[in-house]
């Protein structure tokens, strides 16, 4: 089956799904795509409405008991629509694009939650999820609480007498190549919110760095997600990389590892993540 046949079949499948009226009291009528979206839904007290979630939705623990529709960037239209949801709430950037087009064309309400990496963006996310679920008052309360907590955490983190640390976020070290964060990413946002400086500002997004570029970045600390499997690396493996040998981070063996969703989710727990990262980078 080629791509055109796949899309045509998926559209036919989607059209056959019944349209259901959306009500805030409905139970189990929602599919959440994106760990931040799922976390916000639970924080709003609406977890009971979830039919399924994507693979990045690992918090809170009860979310893991829900059916898993797959990784948010490689979804199947049939897999999502087979649950016959009345509403899909999706983080921006889910995909592939042709699958999202099918979901938008289906007889299902589809709400996209905008991405963003600062306090204002988190508040916007919460309000967007609240509007999609028709629980705007609950969302306004959560948004206010989250905004206050975020501003307090950032204020504590930025009231530093010491010089800001240069932090290099490493996404992976597969094959000995360092994939690092530039600007415009969640990693860049959380580093700045925690009162530090991103060691790489020459490009946007995530890119592999040459050994020379890593040395020139001269990071004081390395930040990574706490991972397992092929993407994991011990301190010994990390600091044995030629690119890092001459950096201040390697000399001090300064590396911080944190849960990926907690660190980069940009949701209701981000104030706690800012505080945790700040304390890890600037231990008393």
C-alpha atoms as a PDB file:
ATOM      1  CA  UNK A   1       0.000   0.000   0.000  1.00  0.00           C
ATOM      2  CA  UNK A   2       1.490   3.319  -1.024  1.00  0.00           C
ATOM      3  CA  UNK A   3       1.158   6.566   0.926  1.00  0.00           C
ATOM      4  CA  UNK A   4      -1.858   7.834  -1.089  1.00  0.00           C
ATOM      5  CA  UNK A   5      -3.746   4.561  -0.556  1.00  0.00           C
ATOM      6  CA  UNK A   6      -2.903   4.690   3.160  1.00  0.00           C
ATOM      7  CA  UNK A   7      -4.265   8.223   3.517  1.00  0.00           C
ATOM      8  CA  UNK A   8      -7.414   7.406   1.527  1.00  0.00           C
ATOM      9  CA  UNK A   9      -8.097   4.304   3.630  1.00  0.00           C
ATOM     10  CA  UNK A  10      -7.481   6.210   6.854  1.00  0.00           C
ATOM     11  CA  UNK A  11      -9.822   9.017   5.820  1.00  0.00           C
ATOM     12  CA  UNK A  12     -12.529   6.486   5.034  1.00  0.00           C
ATOM     13  CA  UNK A  13     -11.998   4.878   8.430  1.00  0.00           C
ATOM     14  CA  UNK A  14     -12.139   8.266  10.135  1.00  0.00           C
ATOM     15  CA  UNK A  15     -15.338   9.270   8.357  1.00  0.00           C
ATOM     16  CA  UNK A  16     -17.023   6.099   9.571  1.00  0.00           C
ATOM     17  CA  UNK A  17     -16.480   7.025  13.210  1.00  0.00           C
ATOM     18  CA  UNK A  18     -19.543   8.438  14.970  1.00  0.00           C
ATOM     19  CA  UNK A  19     -19.591  12.085  16.044  1.00  0.00           C
ATOM     20  CA  UNK A  20     -20.270  12.449  19.759  1.00  0.00           C
ATOM     21  CA  UNK A  21     -21.326  15.564  21.611  1.00  0.00           C
ATOM     22  CA  UNK A  22     -18.621  16.961  23.867  1.00  0.00           C
ATOM     23  CA  UNK A  23     -19.486  17.506  27.535  1.00  0.00           C
ATOM     24  CA  UNK A  24     -17.261  18.260  30.499  1.00  0.00           C
ATOM     25  CA  UNK A  25     -18.902  15.420  32.456  1.00  0.00           C
ATOM     26  CA  UNK A  26     -18.196  12.743  29.832  1.00  0.00           C
ATOM     27  CA  UNK A  27     -16.050   9.897  31.122  1.00  0.00           C
ATOM     28  CA  UNK A  28     -13.360   8.253  29.005  1.00  0.00           C
ATOM     29  CA  UNK A  29     -13.846  10.182  25.782  1.00  0.00           C
ATOM     30  CA  UNK A  30     -10.430  11.838  25.375  1.00  0.00           C
ATOM     31  CA  UNK A  31      -7.092  10.817  23.919  1.00  0.00           C
ATOM     32  CA  UNK A  32      -4.043  12.782  25.082  1.00  0.00           C
ATOM     33  CA  UNK A  33      -0.957  13.157  22.900  1.00  0.00           C
ATOM     34  CA  UNK A  34       2.112  14.612  24.605  1.00  0.00           C
ATOM     35  CA  UNK A  35       3.441  14.109  28.109  1.00  0.00           C
ATOM     36  CA  UNK A  36       2.819  17.753  29.030  1.00  0.00           C
ATOM     37  CA  UNK A  37      -0.790  17.572  27.805  1.00  0.00           C
ATOM     38  CA  UNK A  38      -1.496  14.420  29.804  1.00  0.00           C
ATOM     39  CA  UNK A  39       0.096  15.885  32.920  1.00  0.00           C
ATOM     40  CA  UNK A  40      -2.060  19.017  32.631  1.00  0.00           C
ATOM     41  CA  UNK A  41      -5.216  16.928  32.161  1.00  0.00           C
ATOM     42  CA  UNK A  42      -4.503  15.077  35.392  1.00  0.00           C
ATOM     43  CA  UNK A  43      -3.590  18.295  37.205  1.00  0.00           C
ATOM     44  CA  UNK A  44      -7.009  19.644  36.193  1.00  0.00           C
ATOM     45  CA  UNK A  45      -8.662  16.612  37.780  1.00  0.00           C
ATOM     46  CA  UNK A  46      -9.780  15.262  34.396  1.00  0.00           C
ATOM     47  CA  UNK A  47      -7.717  12.082  34.205  1.00  0.00           C
ATOM     48  CA  UNK A  48     -10.864   9.960  34.454  1.00  0.00           C
ATOM     49  CA  UNK A  49     -11.848  11.168  30.971  1.00  0.00           C
ATOM     50  CA  UNK A  50      -8.841   9.638  29.235  1.00  0.00           C
ATOM     51  CA  UNK A  51      -9.247   6.664  26.934  1.00  0.00           C
ATOM     52  CA  UNK A  52      -5.594   6.401  25.944  1.00  0.00           C
ATOM     53  CA  UNK A  53      -2.310   8.315  25.868  1.00  0.00           C
ATOM     54  CA  UNK A  54       0.906   8.387  23.869  1.00  0.00           C
ATOM     55  CA  UNK A  55       4.227   6.858  24.903  1.00  0.00           C
ATOM     56  CA  UNK A  56       5.662  10.124  26.237  1.00  0.00           C
ATOM     57  CA  UNK A  57       2.829  10.404  28.778  1.00  0.00           C
ATOM     58  CA  UNK A  58       4.505   8.720  31.742  1.00  0.00           C
ATOM     59  CA  UNK A  59       3.336  11.043  34.537  1.00  0.00           C
ATOM     60  CA  UNK A  60       1.434  10.698  36.777  1.00  0.00           C
ATOM     61  CA  UNK A  61       1.839   6.985  37.443  1.00  0.00           C
ATOM     62  CA  UNK A  62      -1.833   6.219  36.782  1.00  0.00           C
ATOM     63  CA  UNK A  63      -1.428   7.437  33.203  1.00  0.00           C
ATOM     64  CA  UNK A  64       0.801   4.437  32.523  1.00  0.00           C
ATOM     65  CA  UNK A  65      -2.161   2.117  33.085  1.00  0.00           C
ATOM     66  CA  UNK A  66      -3.908   3.606  30.031  1.00  0.00           C
ATOM     67  CA  UNK A  67      -3.564   2.056  26.554  1.00  0.00           C
ATOM     68  CA  UNK A  68      -0.496   3.381  24.712  1.00  0.00           C
ATOM     69  CA  UNK A  69      -1.112   4.654  21.164  1.00  0.00           C
ATOM     70  CA  UNK A  70       2.622   4.948  20.386  1.00  0.00           C
ATOM     71  CA  UNK A  71       5.251   7.646  20.182  1.00  0.00           C
ATOM     72  CA  UNK A  72       3.740  11.076  19.540  1.00  0.00           C
ATOM     73  CA  UNK A  73       5.803  11.753  16.405  1.00  0.00           C
ATOM     74  CA  UNK A  74       5.067   8.407  14.735  1.00  0.00           C
ATOM     75  CA  UNK A  75       1.364   7.881  15.306  1.00  0.00           C
ATOM     76  CA  UNK A  76      -1.056   5.702  13.365  1.00  0.00           C
ATOM     77  CA  UNK A  77      -4.413   7.246  12.440  1.00  0.00           C
ATOM     78  CA  UNK A  78      -6.144   3.870  12.697  1.00  0.00           C
ATOM     79  CA  UNK A  79      -4.628   3.249  16.107  1.00  0.00           C
ATOM     80  CA  UNK A  80      -5.824   6.585  17.479  1.00  0.00           C
ATOM     81  CA  UNK A  81      -9.297   6.498  15.930  1.00  0.00           C
ATOM     82  CA  UNK A  82      -9.945   2.877  16.885  1.00  0.00           C
ATOM     83  CA  UNK A  83     -10.748   4.151  20.402  1.00  0.00           C
ATOM     84  CA  UNK A  84     -13.618   6.266  18.973  1.00  0.00           C
ATOM     85  CA  UNK A  85     -12.765   9.332  21.063  1.00  0.00           C
ATOM     86  CA  UNK A  86     -14.911  12.454  21.072  1.00  0.00           C
ATOM     87  CA  UNK A  87     -11.828  14.632  21.615  1.00  0.00           C
ATOM     88  CA  UNK A  88      -8.116  14.434  20.843  1.00  0.00           C
ATOM     89  CA  UNK A  89      -5.920  16.889  22.739  1.00  0.00           C
ATOM     90  CA  UNK A  90      -2.483  16.983  21.141  1.00  0.00           C
ATOM     91  CA  UNK A  91       0.746  18.793  21.839  1.00  0.00           C
ATOM     92  CA  UNK A  92       2.080  20.838  18.945  1.00  0.00           C
ATOM     93  CA  UNK A  93       4.592  18.857  16.915  1.00  0.00           C
ATOM     94  CA  UNK A  94       2.831  15.486  16.979  1.00  0.00           C
ATOM     95  CA  UNK A  95       2.978  13.545  13.771  1.00  0.00           C
ATOM     96  CA  UNK A  96       3.649  12.445  11.132  1.00  0.00           C
ATOM     97  CA  UNK A  97       1.929  15.443   9.484  1.00  0.00           C
ATOM     98  CA  UNK A  98      -0.223  13.288   7.202  1.00  0.00           C
ATOM     99  CA  UNK A  99      -1.603  11.427  10.239  1.00  0.00           C
ATOM    100  CA  UNK A 100      -2.447  14.690  11.997  1.00  0.00           C
ATOM    101  CA  UNK A 101      -4.216  15.819   8.806  1.00  0.00           C
ATOM    102  CA  UNK A 102      -6.324  12.661   8.939  1.00  0.00           C
ATOM    103  CA  UNK A 103      -7.163  13.190  12.610  1.00  0.00           C
ATOM    104  CA  UNK A 104      -8.162  16.798  11.935  1.00  0.00           C
ATOM    105  CA  UNK A 105     -10.413  15.617   9.094  1.00  0.00           C
ATOM    106  CA  UNK A 106     -12.103  12.932  11.171  1.00  0.00           C
ATOM    107  CA  UNK A 107     -15.467  13.278  12.881  1.00  0.00           C
ATOM    108  CA  UNK A 108     -13.637  13.979  16.131  1.00  0.00           C
ATOM    109  CA  UNK A 109     -12.892  17.218  17.956  1.00  0.00           C
ATOM    110  CA  UNK A 110      -9.159  17.937  17.655  1.00  0.00           C
ATOM    111  CA  UNK A 111      -7.387  20.511  19.831  1.00  0.00           C
ATOM    112  CA  UNK A 112      -3.718  21.399  19.430  1.00  0.00           C
ATOM    113  CA  UNK A 113      -1.851  22.769  22.430  1.00  0.00           C
ATOM    114  CA  UNK A 114       0.887  25.290  21.539  1.00  0.00           C
ATOM    115  CA  UNK A 115       4.488  24.550  22.455  1.00  0.00           C
ATOM    116  CA  UNK A 116       6.646  27.000  24.367  1.00  0.00           C
ATOM    117  CA  UNK A 117       9.503  27.182  26.814  1.00  0.00           C
ATOM    118  CA  UNK A 118       8.799  29.889  29.355  1.00  0.00           C
ATOM    119  CA  UNK A 119       6.295  30.740  32.092  1.00  0.00           C
ATOM    120  CA  UNK A 120       3.897  32.452  29.699  1.00  0.00           C
ATOM    121  CA  UNK A 121       3.874  29.443  27.394  1.00  0.00           C
ATOM    122  CA  UNK A 122       3.058  27.080  30.254  1.00  0.00           C
ATOM    123  CA  UNK A 123       0.111  29.237  31.302  1.00  0.00           C
ATOM    124  CA  UNK A 124      -1.075  29.275  27.681  1.00  0.00           C
ATOM    125  CA  UNK A 125      -0.842  25.477  27.544  1.00  0.00           C
ATOM    126  CA  UNK A 126      -2.915  25.059  30.683  1.00  0.00           C
ATOM    127  CA  UNK A 127      -5.595  27.413  29.416  1.00  0.00           C
ATOM    128  CA  UNK A 128      -5.634  25.693  26.006  1.00  0.00           C
ATOM    129  CA  UNK A 129      -6.165  22.274  27.599  1.00  0.00           C
ATOM    130  CA  UNK A 130      -8.823  23.704  29.898  1.00  0.00           C
ATOM    131  CA  UNK A 131     -10.670  25.223  26.945  1.00  0.00           C
ATOM    132  CA  UNK A 132     -10.515  21.948  25.009  1.00  0.00           C
ATOM    133  CA  UNK A 133     -11.976  20.061  27.975  1.00  0.00           C
ATOM    134  CA  UNK A 134     -14.503  22.823  28.763  1.00  0.00           C
ATOM    135  CA  UNK A 135     -13.130  23.320  32.281  1.00  0.00           C
ATOM    136  CA  UNK A 136     -11.923  26.892  31.901  1.00  0.00           C
ATOM    137  CA  UNK A 137     -12.392  27.873  35.542  1.00  0.00           C
ATOM    138  CA  UNK A 138     -10.289  24.956  36.743  1.00  0.00           C
ATOM    139  CA  UNK A 139      -7.658  25.883  34.165  1.00  0.00           C
ATOM    140  CA  UNK A 140      -7.577  29.510  35.289  1.00  0.00           C
ATOM    141  CA  UNK A 141      -6.989  28.419  38.882  1.00  0.00           C
ATOM    142  CA  UNK A 142      -4.224  25.998  37.905  1.00  0.00           C
ATOM    143  CA  UNK A 143      -2.663  28.571  35.575  1.00  0.00           C
ATOM    144  CA  UNK A 144      -2.546  31.174  38.335  1.00  0.00           C
ATOM    145  CA  UNK A 145      -1.024  28.753  40.833  1.00  0.00           C
ATOM    146  CA  UNK A 146       1.527  27.607  38.276  1.00  0.00           C
ATOM    147  CA  UNK A 147       2.464  31.161  37.259  1.00  0.00           C
ATOM    148  CA  UNK A 148       3.056  32.195  40.882  1.00  0.00           C
ATOM    149  CA  UNK A 149       5.179  29.105  41.557  1.00  0.00           C
ATOM    150  CA  UNK A 150       7.199  29.633  38.371  1.00  0.00           C
ATOM    151  CA  UNK A 151       7.953  33.271  39.069  1.00  0.00           C
ATOM    152  CA  UNK A 152       8.997  32.424  42.631  1.00  0.00           C
ATOM    153  CA  UNK A 153      11.277  29.605  41.427  1.00  0.00           C
ATOM    154  CA  UNK A 154      12.860  31.783  38.748  1.00  0.00           C
ATOM    155  CA  UNK A 155      13.355  34.639  41.195  1.00  0.00           C
ATOM    156  CA  UNK A 156      15.201  32.336  43.584  1.00  0.00           C
ATOM    157  CA  UNK A 157      17.262  30.888  40.753  1.00  0.00           C
ATOM    158  CA  UNK A 158      18.334  34.218  39.309  1.00  0.00           C
ATOM    159  CA  UNK A 159      19.280  35.881  42.612  1.00  0.00           C
ATOM    160  CA  UNK A 160      22.869  34.718  42.276  1.00  0.00           C
ATOM    161  CA  UNK A 161      26.048  36.363  43.398  1.00  0.00           C
ATOM    162  CA  UNK A 162      28.178  33.874  41.498  1.00  0.00           C
ATOM    163  CA  UNK A 163      28.816  33.997  37.754  1.00  0.00           C
ATOM    164  CA  UNK A 164      26.284  32.028  35.748  1.00  0.00           C
ATOM    165  CA  UNK A 165      27.401  28.538  34.799  1.00  0.00           C
ATOM    166  CA  UNK A 166      27.666  27.603  31.144  1.00  0.00           C
ATOM    167  CA  UNK A 167      25.580  24.450  30.698  1.00  0.00           C
ATOM    168  CA  UNK A 168      25.699  22.089  27.727  1.00  0.00           C
ATOM    169  CA  UNK A 169      22.585  19.981  27.242  1.00  0.00           C
ATOM    170  CA  UNK A 170      23.482  16.706  25.534  1.00  0.00           C
ATOM    171  CA  UNK A 171      20.616  14.831  23.931  1.00  0.00           C
ATOM    172  CA  UNK A 172      22.714  11.808  22.985  1.00  0.00           C
ATOM    173  CA  UNK A 173      26.274  10.574  22.527  1.00  0.00           C
ATOM    174  CA  UNK A 174      25.564   7.705  20.136  1.00  0.00           C
ATOM    175  CA  UNK A 175      28.576   6.744  18.064  1.00  0.00           C
ATOM    176  CA  UNK A 176      30.726   9.110  20.083  1.00  0.00           C
ATOM    177  CA  UNK A 177      29.026  12.144  18.484  1.00  0.00           C
ATOM    178  CA  UNK A 178      27.532  14.727  20.806  1.00  0.00           C
ATOM    179  CA  UNK A 179      24.012  15.851  19.868  1.00  0.00           C
ATOM    180  CA  UNK A 180      23.487  19.101  21.762  1.00  0.00           C
ATOM    181  CA  UNK A 181      20.893  21.801  22.238  1.00  0.00           C
ATOM    182  CA  UNK A 182      21.176  25.240  20.757  1.00  0.00           C
ATOM    183  CA  UNK A 183      18.553  27.931  21.304  1.00  0.00           C
ATOM    184  CA  UNK A 184      14.777  27.656  20.939  1.00  0.00           C
ATOM    185  CA  UNK A 185      14.467  24.313  22.715  1.00  0.00           C
ATOM    186  CA  UNK A 186      13.055  23.100  25.985  1.00  0.00           C
ATOM    187  CA  UNK A 187      16.589  22.482  27.205  1.00  0.00           C
ATOM    188  CA  UNK A 188      17.585  26.062  26.422  1.00  0.00           C
ATOM    189  CA  UNK A 189      14.488  27.339  28.199  1.00  0.00           C
ATOM    190  CA  UNK A 190      14.956  25.339  31.405  1.00  0.00           C
ATOM    191  CA  UNK A 191      18.653  26.196  31.606  1.00  0.00           C
ATOM    192  CA  UNK A 192      17.859  29.908  31.484  1.00  0.00           C
ATOM    193  CA  UNK A 193      14.956  29.594  33.921  1.00  0.00           C
ATOM    194  CA  UNK A 194      17.289  27.869  36.382  1.00  0.00           C
ATOM    195  CA  UNK A 195      19.677  30.836  36.362  1.00  0.00           C
ATOM    196  CA  UNK A 196      22.364  29.414  34.073  1.00  0.00           C
ATOM    197  CA  UNK A 197      23.545  30.072  30.504  1.00  0.00           C
ATOM    198  CA  UNK A 198      23.229  27.747  27.522  1.00  0.00           C
ATOM    199  CA  UNK A 199      26.797  27.028  26.418  1.00  0.00           C
ATOM    200  CA  UNK A 200      25.658  26.836  22.771  1.00  0.00           C
ATOM    201  CA  UNK A 201      23.881  29.764  21.130  1.00  0.00           C
ATOM    202  CA  UNK A 202      25.111  29.624  17.524  1.00  0.00           C
ATOM    203  CA  UNK A 203      22.137  27.647  16.178  1.00  0.00           C
ATOM    204  CA  UNK A 204      18.539  26.717  16.932  1.00  0.00           C
ATOM    205  CA  UNK A 205      17.327  23.251  17.782  1.00  0.00           C
ATOM    206  CA  UNK A 206      19.404  20.125  18.282  1.00  0.00           C
ATOM    207  CA  UNK A 207      22.468  19.420  16.177  1.00  0.00           C
ATOM    208  CA  UNK A 208      25.588  17.240  16.308  1.00  0.00           C
ATOM    209  CA  UNK A 209      28.659  19.176  17.417  1.00  0.00           C
ATOM    210  CA  UNK A 210      32.231  18.738  16.289  1.00  0.00           C
ATOM    211  CA  UNK A 211      34.885  18.149  18.936  1.00  0.00           C
ATOM    212  CA  UNK A 212      36.154  21.672  18.286  1.00  0.00           C
ATOM    213  CA  UNK A 213      32.701  23.177  18.809  1.00  0.00           C
ATOM    214  CA  UNK A 214      32.259  21.383  22.132  1.00  0.00           C
ATOM    215  CA  UNK A 215      35.673  22.539  23.333  1.00  0.00           C
ATOM    216  CA  UNK A 216      34.896  26.105  22.247  1.00  0.00           C
ATOM    217  CA  UNK A 217      31.586  26.002  24.136  1.00  0.00           C
ATOM    218  CA  UNK A 218      33.617  25.355  27.309  1.00  0.00           C
ATOM    219  CA  UNK A 219      30.713  24.114  29.430  1.00  0.00           C
ATOM    220  CA  UNK A 220      31.013  24.263  33.204  1.00  0.00           C
ATOM    221  CA  UNK A 221      28.386  21.529  33.539  1.00  0.00           C
ATOM    222  CA  UNK A 222      26.672  18.909  31.392  1.00  0.00           C
ATOM    223  CA  UNK A 223      22.902  18.417  31.535  1.00  0.00           C
ATOM    224  CA  UNK A 224      21.301  15.213  30.295  1.00  0.00           C
ATOM    225  CA  UNK A 225      18.078  13.274  30.568  1.00  0.00           C
ATOM    226  CA  UNK A 226      18.248  10.293  32.883  1.00  0.00           C
ATOM    227  CA  UNK A 227      17.935   7.510  30.325  1.00  0.00           C
ATOM    228  CA  UNK A 228      18.543   3.811  29.899  1.00  0.00           C
ATOM    229  CA  UNK A 229      19.364   1.549  26.995  1.00  0.00           C
ATOM    230  CA  UNK A 230      21.240   2.703  23.902  1.00  0.00           C
ATOM    231  CA  UNK A 231      20.910   6.383  24.799  1.00  0.00           C
ATOM    232  CA  UNK A 232      22.450   6.009  28.262  1.00  0.00           C
ATOM    233  CA  UNK A 233      26.066   6.769  29.111  1.00  0.00           C
ATOM    234  CA  UNK A 234      27.936   6.537  32.397  1.00  0.00           C
ATOM    235  CA  UNK A 235      30.058   9.385  33.744  1.00  0.00           C
ATOM    236  CA  UNK A 236      33.152   7.448  32.729  1.00  0.00           C
ATOM    237  CA  UNK A 237      31.946   7.016  29.154  1.00  0.00           C
ATOM    238  CA  UNK A 238      30.763  10.620  28.949  1.00  0.00           C
ATOM    239  CA  UNK A 239      33.945  12.276  30.162  1.00  0.00           C
ATOM    240  CA  UNK A 240      36.132   9.926  28.114  1.00  0.00           C
ATOM    241  CA  UNK A 241      34.786  11.521  24.934  1.00  0.00           C
ATOM    242  CA  UNK A 242      37.591  13.506  23.256  1.00  0.00           C
ATOM    243  CA  UNK A 243      35.260  16.466  22.736  1.00  0.00           C
ATOM    244  CA  UNK A 244      34.761  16.883  26.479  1.00  0.00           C
ATOM    245  CA  UNK A 245      38.233  16.088  27.804  1.00  0.00           C
ATOM    246  CA  UNK A 246      39.451  19.678  27.949  1.00  0.00           C
ATOM    247  CA  UNK A 247      36.226  21.268  29.192  1.00  0.00           C
ATOM    248  CA  UNK A 248      35.709  22.647  32.710  1.00  0.00           C
ATOM    249  CA  UNK A 249      32.784  20.216  33.102  1.00  0.00           C
ATOM    250  CA  UNK A 250      35.084  17.234  32.561  1.00  0.00           C
ATOM    251  CA  UNK A 251      37.707  18.580  34.907  1.00  0.00           C
ATOM    252  CA  UNK A 252      35.084  18.901  37.648  1.00  0.00           C
ATOM    253  CA  UNK A 253      33.092  15.853  36.452  1.00  0.00           C
ATOM    254  CA  UNK A 254      30.026  18.043  36.707  1.00  0.00           C
ATOM    255  CA  UNK A 255      27.017  16.331  35.123  1.00  0.00           C
ATOM    256  CA  UNK A 256      23.342  16.600  36.050  1.00  0.00           C
ATOM    257  CA  UNK A 257      20.834  13.960  34.977  1.00  0.00           C
ATOM    258  CA  UNK A 258      17.090  14.464  35.393  1.00  0.00           C
ATOM    259  CA  UNK A 259      13.913  12.727  34.274  1.00  0.00           C
ATOM    260  CA  UNK A 260      13.131  13.919  30.761  1.00  0.00           C
ATOM    261  CA  UNK A 261       9.440  14.760  31.215  1.00  0.00           C
ATOM    262  CA  UNK A 262      10.080  16.485  34.546  1.00  0.00           C
ATOM    263  CA  UNK A 263      12.943  18.511  33.069  1.00  0.00           C
ATOM    264  CA  UNK A 264      11.493  19.345  29.644  1.00  0.00           C
ATOM    265  CA  UNK A 265       7.734  18.919  30.043  1.00  0.00           C
ATOM    266  CA  UNK A 266       6.989  22.607  30.667  1.00  0.00           C
ATOM    267  CA  UNK A 267       3.830  21.935  32.615  1.00  0.00           C
ATOM    268  CA  UNK A 268       2.537  22.172  36.188  1.00  0.00           C
ATOM    269  CA  UNK A 269       5.752  20.689  37.662  1.00  0.00           C
ATOM    270  CA  UNK A 270       8.173  23.024  35.913  1.00  0.00           C
ATOM    271  CA  UNK A 271       8.608  25.286  38.944  1.00  0.00           C
ATOM    272  CA  UNK A 272       9.863  22.224  40.837  1.00  0.00           C
ATOM    273  CA  UNK A 273      12.118  21.324  37.900  1.00  0.00           C
ATOM    274  CA  UNK A 274      13.612  24.838  37.872  1.00  0.00           C
ATOM    275  CA  UNK A 275      14.362  24.601  41.583  1.00  0.00           C
ATOM    276  CA  UNK A 276      15.796  21.083  41.301  1.00  0.00           C
ATOM    277  CA  UNK A 277      18.050  22.008  38.385  1.00  0.00           C
ATOM    278  CA  UNK A 278      19.226  25.202  40.079  1.00  0.00           C
ATOM    279  CA  UNK A 279      20.155  23.302  43.232  1.00  0.00           C
ATOM    280  CA  UNK A 280      21.969  20.638  41.220  1.00  0.00           C
ATOM    281  CA  UNK A 281      23.971  23.244  39.305  1.00  0.00           C
ATOM    282  CA  UNK A 282      24.665  25.441  42.311  1.00  0.00           C
ATOM    283  CA  UNK A 283      24.910  23.121  45.322  1.00  0.00           C
ATOM    284  CA  UNK A 284      25.199  24.863  48.652  1.00  0.00           C
END
